């Protein structure tokens, strides 16, 4: 028993070696193995977006660590009425290390492939 096709319009086109290689490289970057799915997505959306979350996990860990340190300092300040200058400088250094990571993660998180 065969199931009825939902897509009954067939399109055939030819690519030269360079075009095929370019298409396959873009498919590899996006993790798409099926040429038909790749072309269908491209024709529907006009572009393909790939979201890379690998840097985000590390960034979340670092931000969590920084906010934990801020909370500890706030608790200590509320209890004693003062904060050590060295603690504030360490926290400031930690925040300064995070800033470029946040910018880089933002720039790299969404990669658009120009078609």
Protein backbone atom coordinates (compact mmCIF):
# COMPACT_ATOMS: atom_id res chain seq x y z
CA UNK A 1 0.00 0.00 0.00
CA UNK A 2 1.59 3.29 -1.08
CA UNK A 3 0.84 6.55 0.60
CA UNK A 4 -0.35 9.46 -1.50
CA UNK A 5 2.24 12.16 -2.22
CA UNK A 6 1.58 15.54 -0.70
CA UNK A 7 4.06 17.13 -3.11
CA UNK A 8 3.21 16.14 -6.66
CA UNK A 9 5.18 18.77 -8.61
CA UNK A 10 8.63 17.62 -9.68
CA UNK A 11 11.41 20.05 -10.54
CA UNK A 12 14.69 18.95 -12.08
CA UNK A 13 17.69 21.24 -12.41
CA UNK A 14 21.37 20.86 -13.13
CA UNK A 15 24.39 22.27 -11.32
CA UNK A 16 27.98 22.47 -12.44
CA UNK A 17 30.69 21.03 -10.15
CA UNK A 18 31.38 24.37 -8.44
CA UNK A 19 27.69 25.03 -7.74
CA UNK A 20 27.17 21.52 -6.39
CA UNK A 21 30.22 21.83 -4.13
CA UNK A 22 28.96 25.19 -2.84
CA UNK A 23 25.53 23.72 -2.13
CA UNK A 24 27.00 20.72 -0.33
CA UNK A 25 29.25 22.96 1.80
CA UNK A 26 26.24 25.01 2.87
CA UNK A 27 24.30 21.85 3.64
CA UNK A 28 27.20 20.56 5.75
CA UNK A 29 27.41 23.84 7.69
CA UNK A 30 23.70 23.62 8.44
CA UNK A 31 23.70 19.90 9.19
CA UNK A 32 21.20 19.16 6.42
CA UNK A 33 21.73 15.84 4.65
CA UNK A 34 18.73 15.83 2.31
CA UNK A 35 19.11 17.93 -0.86
CA UNK A 36 15.38 18.06 -1.42
CA UNK A 37 14.76 19.41 2.10
CA UNK A 38 17.56 21.96 1.63
CA UNK A 39 16.13 23.28 -1.65
CA UNK A 40 12.57 23.27 -0.29
CA UNK A 41 13.65 25.29 2.78
CA UNK A 42 15.58 27.69 0.60
CA UNK A 43 12.70 28.29 -1.80
CA UNK A 44 10.20 28.76 1.00
CA UNK A 45 12.22 31.10 3.23
CA UNK A 46 14.70 32.65 0.80
CA UNK A 47 17.47 32.12 3.35
CA UNK A 48 18.46 29.55 5.92
CA UNK A 49 19.34 30.40 9.51
CA UNK A 50 21.50 28.14 11.64
CA UNK A 51 21.61 28.84 15.36
CA UNK A 52 24.79 27.72 17.10
CA UNK A 53 24.23 27.38 20.84
CA UNK A 54 27.61 25.90 21.78
CA UNK A 55 29.00 29.22 23.03
CA UNK A 56 25.77 30.09 24.80
CA UNK A 57 26.10 27.25 27.32
CA UNK A 58 29.54 28.42 28.41
CA UNK A 59 28.36 32.01 28.56
CA UNK A 60 25.40 31.06 30.76
CA UNK A 61 27.78 29.27 33.14
CA UNK A 62 30.05 32.31 33.37
CA UNK A 63 27.15 34.73 33.90
CA UNK A 64 25.73 32.43 36.57
CA UNK A 65 29.07 32.42 38.36
CA UNK A 66 29.29 36.23 38.21
CA UNK A 67 25.75 36.73 39.52
CA UNK A 68 26.44 34.28 42.34
CA UNK A 69 29.48 36.34 43.32
CA UNK A 70 27.42 39.55 43.20
CA UNK A 71 24.79 37.98 45.47
CA UNK A 72 27.46 36.87 47.95
CA UNK A 73 28.94 40.38 48.03
CA UNK A 74 25.51 41.95 48.51
CA UNK A 75 24.77 39.56 51.37
CA UNK A 76 28.13 40.33 53.01
CA UNK A 77 27.58 44.08 52.57
CA UNK A 78 24.13 43.85 54.17
CA UNK A 79 25.45 41.82 57.09
CA UNK A 80 28.59 43.82 57.83
CA UNK A 81 27.80 47.17 56.28
CA UNK A 82 30.98 47.10 54.18
CA UNK A 83 32.61 45.34 51.24
CA UNK A 84 36.29 44.69 50.65
CA UNK A 85 37.80 46.70 47.82
CA UNK A 86 39.61 43.59 46.56
CA UNK A 87 36.28 41.74 46.19
CA UNK A 88 34.83 44.59 44.15
CA UNK A 89 37.92 44.68 41.90
CA UNK A 90 37.74 40.90 41.34
CA UNK A 91 34.06 41.16 40.43
CA UNK A 92 34.74 44.05 38.08
CA UNK A 93 37.49 42.03 36.36
CA UNK A 94 35.08 39.11 35.99
CA UNK A 95 32.42 41.35 34.42
CA UNK A 96 35.04 42.85 32.08
CA UNK A 97 35.97 39.32 30.95
CA UNK A 98 32.30 38.55 30.26
CA UNK A 99 31.59 41.61 28.12
CA UNK A 100 33.60 40.55 25.02
CA UNK A 101 32.29 36.98 25.37
CA UNK A 102 28.72 38.27 25.29
CA UNK A 103 29.44 40.32 22.16
CA UNK A 104 31.17 37.37 20.46
CA UNK A 105 28.38 34.94 21.38
CA UNK A 106 25.80 37.35 20.01
CA UNK A 107 27.69 37.77 16.73
CA UNK A 108 28.24 34.02 16.30
CA UNK A 109 24.94 32.65 17.54
CA UNK A 110 23.05 33.18 14.29
CA UNK A 111 24.84 32.45 11.05
CA UNK A 112 23.04 33.43 7.90
CA UNK A 113 24.17 31.86 4.69
CA UNK A 114 23.79 34.17 1.73
CA UNK A 115 22.29 32.23 -1.14
